[in-house]
Amino acid sequence: MSKPFRSALGYHVFRLESKEGLEGEGLARIRQQIRDILFREKFETRQEAWLKEIKQRAIIEVRM
């Protein structure tokens, strides 16, 4: 049982009733999902930085 802790909604206590471990194919699948999520986040961050840099170096001429 956890120690009581406070949140915006009041005080809470947690109790762990069971613990399940991942093994074999399930663990490999979850690891791959985590890798995919982290890769996508890093890719998006780098892509945004690259686009920002390109926009700063671009020469844009507006003709009307």
N, C-alpha and C. Protein backbone atom coordinates (compact mmCIF):
# COMPACT_ATOMS: atom_id res chain seq x y z
N MET A 1 0.85 -1.16 0.00
CA MET A 1 0.00 0.00 0.00
C MET A 1 0.90 1.23 0.00
N SER A 2 0.49 2.23 -0.78
CA SER A 2 1.29 3.45 -0.88
C SER A 2 1.03 4.36 0.32
N LYS A 3 1.92 5.30 0.48
CA LYS A 3 1.69 6.34 1.48
C LYS A 3 0.62 7.28 0.93
N PRO A 4 -0.18 7.88 1.78
CA PRO A 4 -1.17 8.84 1.29
C PRO A 4 -0.48 10.01 0.59
N PHE A 5 -1.06 10.43 -0.52
CA PHE A 5 -0.53 11.60 -1.20
C PHE A 5 -1.68 12.49 -1.63
N ARG A 6 -1.36 13.74 -1.79
CA ARG A 6 -2.38 14.75 -2.06
C ARG A 6 -2.36 15.15 -3.53
N SER A 7 -3.53 15.37 -4.09
CA SER A 7 -3.66 15.91 -5.45
C SER A 7 -4.69 17.03 -5.41
N ALA A 8 -5.00 17.58 -6.56
CA ALA A 8 -6.00 18.64 -6.63
C ALA A 8 -7.38 18.14 -6.24
N LEU A 9 -7.58 16.82 -6.31
CA LEU A 9 -8.89 16.24 -5.99
C LEU A 9 -8.99 15.73 -4.56
N GLY A 10 -7.90 15.81 -3.79
CA GLY A 10 -7.93 15.35 -2.41
C GLY A 10 -6.75 14.43 -2.11
N TYR A 11 -6.94 13.53 -1.13
CA TYR A 11 -5.90 12.58 -0.75
C TYR A 11 -6.19 11.22 -1.36
N HIS A 12 -5.11 10.48 -1.68
CA HIS A 12 -5.25 9.18 -2.33
C HIS A 12 -4.29 8.18 -1.73
N VAL A 13 -4.67 6.90 -1.79
CA VAL A 13 -3.82 5.78 -1.39
C VAL A 13 -3.99 4.71 -2.45
N PHE A 14 -2.89 4.12 -2.92
CA PHE A 14 -2.95 3.05 -3.90
C PHE A 14 -2.52 1.73 -3.30
N ARG A 15 -3.15 0.67 -3.79
CA ARG A 15 -2.76 -0.68 -3.38
C ARG A 15 -2.62 -1.52 -4.64
N LEU A 16 -1.48 -2.19 -4.79
CA LEU A 16 -1.23 -3.05 -5.93
C LEU A 16 -1.84 -4.41 -5.65
N GLU A 17 -2.78 -4.82 -6.49
CA GLU A 17 -3.45 -6.10 -6.29
C GLU A 17 -2.79 -7.22 -7.06
N SER A 18 -2.22 -6.93 -8.20
CA SER A 18 -1.51 -7.95 -8.96
C SER A 18 -0.51 -7.28 -9.89
N LYS A 19 0.45 -8.07 -10.32
CA LYS A 19 1.49 -7.56 -11.19
C LYS A 19 1.72 -8.59 -12.29
N GLU A 20 1.63 -8.13 -13.53
CA GLU A 20 1.84 -9.03 -14.66
C GLU A 20 3.06 -8.57 -15.43
N GLY A 21 3.86 -9.50 -15.84
CA GLY A 21 5.04 -9.17 -16.62
C GLY A 21 4.84 -9.52 -18.08
N LEU A 22 5.52 -8.82 -18.93
CA LEU A 22 5.49 -9.12 -20.35
C LEU A 22 6.69 -9.98 -20.70
N GLU A 23 6.46 -10.97 -21.51
CA GLU A 23 7.54 -11.85 -21.94
C GLU A 23 7.38 -12.16 -23.42
N GLY A 24 8.46 -12.58 -24.02
CA GLY A 24 8.42 -13.07 -25.39
C GLY A 24 7.91 -12.06 -26.39
N GLU A 25 6.95 -12.51 -27.21
CA GLU A 25 6.43 -11.71 -28.31
C GLU A 25 5.73 -10.44 -27.82
N GLY A 26 5.01 -10.51 -26.72
CA GLY A 26 4.33 -9.34 -26.18
C GLY A 26 5.31 -8.24 -25.80
N LEU A 27 6.39 -8.62 -25.16
CA LEU A 27 7.42 -7.65 -24.77
C LEU A 27 8.08 -7.05 -26.00
N ALA A 28 8.39 -7.87 -26.98
CA ALA A 28 9.02 -7.38 -28.21
C ALA A 28 8.10 -6.40 -28.93
N ARG A 29 6.80 -6.70 -28.96
CA ARG A 29 5.84 -5.83 -29.64
C ARG A 29 5.75 -4.47 -28.94
N ILE A 30 5.70 -4.48 -27.61
CA ILE A 30 5.62 -3.23 -26.84
C ILE A 30 6.90 -2.42 -27.02
N ARG A 31 8.05 -3.08 -27.00
CA ARG A 31 9.31 -2.37 -27.20
C ARG A 31 9.34 -1.69 -28.57
N GLN A 32 8.86 -2.39 -29.59
CA GLN A 32 8.84 -1.81 -30.93
C GLN A 32 7.90 -0.62 -30.99
N GLN A 33 6.75 -0.71 -30.32
CA GLN A 33 5.82 0.41 -30.30
C GLN A 33 6.45 1.63 -29.64
N ILE A 34 7.17 1.40 -28.55
CA ILE A 34 7.85 2.50 -27.85
C ILE A 34 8.92 3.12 -28.75
N ARG A 35 9.70 2.27 -29.43
CA ARG A 35 10.71 2.78 -30.36
C ARG A 35 10.07 3.63 -31.45
N ASP A 36 8.95 3.14 -32.01
CA ASP A 36 8.26 3.87 -33.07
C ASP A 36 7.78 5.24 -32.59
N ILE A 37 7.22 5.28 -31.39
CA ILE A 37 6.73 6.54 -30.83
C ILE A 37 7.88 7.52 -30.62
N LEU A 38 8.98 7.04 -30.02
CA LEU A 38 10.12 7.91 -29.77
C LEU A 38 10.76 8.40 -31.07
N PHE A 39 10.86 7.50 -32.06
CA PHE A 39 11.41 7.89 -33.36
C PHE A 39 10.55 8.97 -34.00
N ARG A 40 9.24 8.77 -33.99
CA ARG A 40 8.32 9.74 -34.61
C ARG A 40 8.43 11.10 -33.92
N GLU A 41 8.49 11.12 -32.59
CA GLU A 41 8.61 12.38 -31.87
C GLU A 41 9.92 13.10 -32.20
N LYS A 42 11.02 12.34 -32.24
CA LYS A 42 12.31 12.93 -32.56
C LYS A 42 12.33 13.44 -34.00
N PHE A 43 11.76 12.66 -34.92
CA PHE A 43 11.70 13.06 -36.32
C PHE A 43 10.92 14.36 -36.48
N GLU A 44 9.76 14.45 -35.83
CA GLU A 44 8.94 15.66 -35.94
C GLU A 44 9.66 16.88 -35.38
N THR A 45 10.37 16.70 -34.27
CA THR A 45 11.12 17.81 -33.68
C THR A 45 12.21 18.29 -34.63
N ARG A 46 12.95 17.34 -35.20
CA ARG A 46 14.02 17.72 -36.13
C ARG A 46 13.47 18.32 -37.41
N GLN A 47 12.35 17.80 -37.88
CA GLN A 47 11.73 18.33 -39.09
C GLN A 47 11.28 19.78 -38.87
N GLU A 48 10.67 20.06 -37.72
CA GLU A 48 10.25 21.42 -37.41
C GLU A 48 11.45 22.37 -37.37
N ALA A 49 12.55 21.93 -36.75
CA ALA A 49 13.75 22.76 -36.67
C ALA A 49 14.32 23.00 -38.07
N TRP A 50 14.33 21.99 -38.91
CA TRP A 50 14.84 22.10 -40.27
C TRP A 50 13.99 23.08 -41.08
N LEU A 51 12.67 22.96 -40.98
CA LEU A 51 11.78 23.87 -41.71
C LEU A 51 11.96 25.31 -41.23
N LYS A 52 12.12 25.49 -39.94
CA LYS A 52 12.33 26.83 -39.39
C LYS A 52 13.62 27.44 -39.94
N GLU A 53 14.67 26.62 -40.00
CA GLU A 53 15.95 27.09 -40.53
C GLU A 53 15.83 27.45 -42.01
N ILE A 54 15.16 26.63 -42.78
CA ILE A 54 14.99 26.90 -44.21
C ILE A 54 14.20 28.18 -44.43
N LYS A 55 13.15 28.38 -43.65
CA LYS A 55 12.34 29.60 -43.78
C LYS A 55 13.15 30.84 -43.45
N GLN A 56 14.05 30.74 -42.48
CA GLN A 56 14.88 31.88 -42.10
C GLN A 56 15.87 32.23 -43.21
N ARG A 57 16.36 31.23 -43.93
CA ARG A 57 17.35 31.46 -44.98
C ARG A 57 16.71 31.77 -46.33
N ALA A 58 15.42 31.57 -46.45
CA ALA A 58 14.74 31.74 -47.74
C ALA A 58 14.63 33.22 -48.11
N ILE A 59 14.70 33.46 -49.39
CA ILE A 59 14.48 34.81 -49.91
C ILE A 59 13.13 34.78 -50.61
N ILE A 60 12.19 35.49 -50.04
CA ILE A 60 10.82 35.48 -50.55
C ILE A 60 10.51 36.87 -51.10
N GLU A 61 10.04 36.89 -52.35
CA GLU A 61 9.71 38.15 -53.01
C GLU A 61 8.24 38.13 -53.37
N VAL A 62 7.51 39.13 -52.90
CA VAL A 62 6.08 39.21 -53.17
C VAL A 62 5.86 40.23 -54.28
N ARG A 63 5.19 39.80 -55.35
CA ARG A 63 4.91 40.70 -56.48
C ARG A 63 3.41 40.78 -56.66
N MET A 64 2.93 41.99 -56.80
CA MET A 64 1.49 42.17 -57.00
C MET A 64 1.23 43.02 -58.19
